[in-house]
Structure formats: structure tokens, C-alpha cells
Amino acid sequence: MQEHGMFGKYTMTSLLNELDVIELIHIPGKNPIVREVITKQILICEKMAVPPPTMALS
């Protein structure tokens, strides 16, 4: 977080809270579905070198 300048904008708790609201829905017989991921969450993932979740998982 420090090397990407994220401590000025987020605390560890607030960063985790931003990502905590991402939902994964499991429907029997179907591929899991990720609910809407907002741009702010995608940017956090990219800065942390973590691939952002996609809308449909295979």
C-alpha cells in the first residue's frame, strides 16, 4: 500500500471495507457470478497487483 501511495487515501480497514462489499453468487448448476464491481474497487485491485474479479467466473 505504501509504495502505491494508498496510505494517504485509505487505512487498512477502509481499504478492506471497500473490497468487502464485492459479492459472489452461487446458483446450483450455474457458474458463480460476481455482482457489480465499481471502478474504485478495480483500481484498488490493480494497485495491489491482484486481478479484479470478473462478472462471470468459469
C-alpha atoms as a PDB file:
ATOM      1  CA  MET A   1       0.000   0.000   0.000  1.00  0.00           C
ATOM      2  CA  GLN A   2       2.769   2.414   0.873  1.00  0.00           C
ATOM      3  CA  GLU A   3       4.626   2.040  -2.431  1.00  0.00           C
ATOM      4  CA  HIS A   4       1.442   2.936  -4.327  1.00  0.00           C
ATOM      5  CA  GLY A   5       0.619   5.967  -2.144  1.00  0.00           C
ATOM      6  CA  MET A   6      -2.565   4.390  -0.833  1.00  0.00           C
ATOM      7  CA  PHE A   7      -1.979   5.145   2.871  1.00  0.00           C
ATOM      8  CA  GLY A   8      -2.780   8.813   2.204  1.00  0.00           C
ATOM      9  CA  LYS A   9      -6.254   7.864   0.987  1.00  0.00           C
ATOM     10  CA  TYR A  10      -7.044   4.628   2.853  1.00  0.00           C
ATOM     11  CA  THR A  11      -6.434   2.968   6.169  1.00  0.00           C
ATOM     12  CA  MET A  12      -6.102  -0.811   6.052  1.00  0.00           C
ATOM     13  CA  THR A  13      -9.614  -1.107   7.499  1.00  0.00           C
ATOM     14  CA  SER A  14     -11.180   1.271   4.979  1.00  0.00           C
ATOM     15  CA  LEU A  15      -9.422  -0.493   2.096  1.00  0.00           C
ATOM     16  CA  LEU A  16     -10.747  -3.874   3.238  1.00  0.00           C
ATOM     17  CA  ASN A  17     -14.224  -2.362   3.698  1.00  0.00           C
ATOM     18  CA  GLU A  18     -14.167  -1.156   0.066  1.00  0.00           C
ATOM     19  CA  LEU A  19     -13.403  -4.679  -1.142  1.00  0.00           C
ATOM     20  CA  ASP A  20     -15.671  -6.461   1.360  1.00  0.00           C
ATOM     21  CA  VAL A  21     -18.840  -5.449  -0.476  1.00  0.00           C
ATOM     22  CA  ILE A  22     -17.936  -7.452  -3.606  1.00  0.00           C
ATOM     23  CA  GLU A  23     -20.423 -10.326  -3.716  1.00  0.00           C
ATOM     24  CA  LEU A  24     -20.093 -13.767  -5.289  1.00  0.00           C
ATOM     25  CA  ILE A  25     -23.395 -15.512  -6.038  1.00  0.00           C
ATOM     26  CA  HIS A  26     -23.591 -19.292  -6.265  1.00  0.00           C
ATOM     27  CA  ILE A  27     -26.552 -20.743  -8.169  1.00  0.00           C
ATOM     28  CA  PRO A  28     -26.743 -24.543  -8.286  1.00  0.00           C
ATOM     29  CA  GLY A  29     -25.925 -25.800 -11.780  1.00  0.00           C
ATOM     30  CA  LYS A  30     -24.587 -22.416 -12.957  1.00  0.00           C
ATOM     31  CA  ASN A  31     -21.191 -20.703 -12.992  1.00  0.00           C
ATOM     32  CA  PRO A  32     -20.600 -18.385  -9.992  1.00  0.00           C
ATOM     33  CA  ILE A  33     -21.457 -14.753 -10.706  1.00  0.00           C
ATOM     34  CA  VAL A  34     -19.683 -11.719  -9.266  1.00  0.00           C
ATOM     35  CA  ARG A  35     -22.058  -8.848  -8.519  1.00  0.00           C
ATOM     36  CA  GLU A  36     -21.240  -5.371  -9.779  1.00  0.00           C
ATOM     37  CA  VAL A  37     -17.654  -4.268  -9.133  1.00  0.00           C
ATOM     38  CA  ILE A  38     -17.200  -0.491  -9.147  1.00  0.00           C
ATOM     39  CA  THR A  39     -14.270   1.341 -10.713  1.00  0.00           C
ATOM     40  CA  LYS A  40     -12.833   2.269  -7.304  1.00  0.00           C
ATOM     41  CA  GLN A  41     -12.614  -1.443  -6.381  1.00  0.00           C
ATOM     42  CA  ILE A  42     -10.961  -2.309  -9.705  1.00  0.00           C
ATOM     43  CA  LEU A  43      -8.361   0.434  -9.179  1.00  0.00           C
ATOM     44  CA  ILE A  44      -7.591  -0.840  -5.671  1.00  0.00           C
ATOM     45  CA  CYS A  45      -7.093  -4.369  -7.023  1.00  0.00           C
ATOM     46  CA  GLU A  46      -4.825  -3.138  -9.810  1.00  0.00           C
ATOM     47  CA  LYS A  47      -2.683  -1.084  -7.426  1.00  0.00           C
ATOM     48  CA  MET A  48      -2.327  -4.085  -5.131  1.00  0.00           C
ATOM     49  CA  ALA A  49      -1.352  -6.307  -8.134  1.00  0.00           C
ATOM     50  CA  VAL A  50      -4.414  -8.502  -7.602  1.00  0.00           C
ATOM     51  CA  PRO A  51      -6.602  -9.315 -10.603  1.00  0.00           C
ATOM     52  CA  PRO A  52     -10.043  -7.764 -10.132  1.00  0.00           C
ATOM     53  CA  PRO A  53     -12.941 -10.201 -10.038  1.00  0.00           C
ATOM     54  CA  THR A  54     -14.773 -10.711 -13.319  1.00  0.00           C
ATOM     55  CA  MET A  55     -18.532 -10.665 -13.747  1.00  0.00           C
ATOM     56  CA  ALA A  56     -18.773 -14.376 -14.589  1.00  0.00           C
ATOM     57  CA  LEU A  57     -16.322 -16.978 -13.350  1.00  0.00           C
ATOM     58  CA  SER A  58     -15.654 -20.182 -15.247  1.00  0.00           C
END
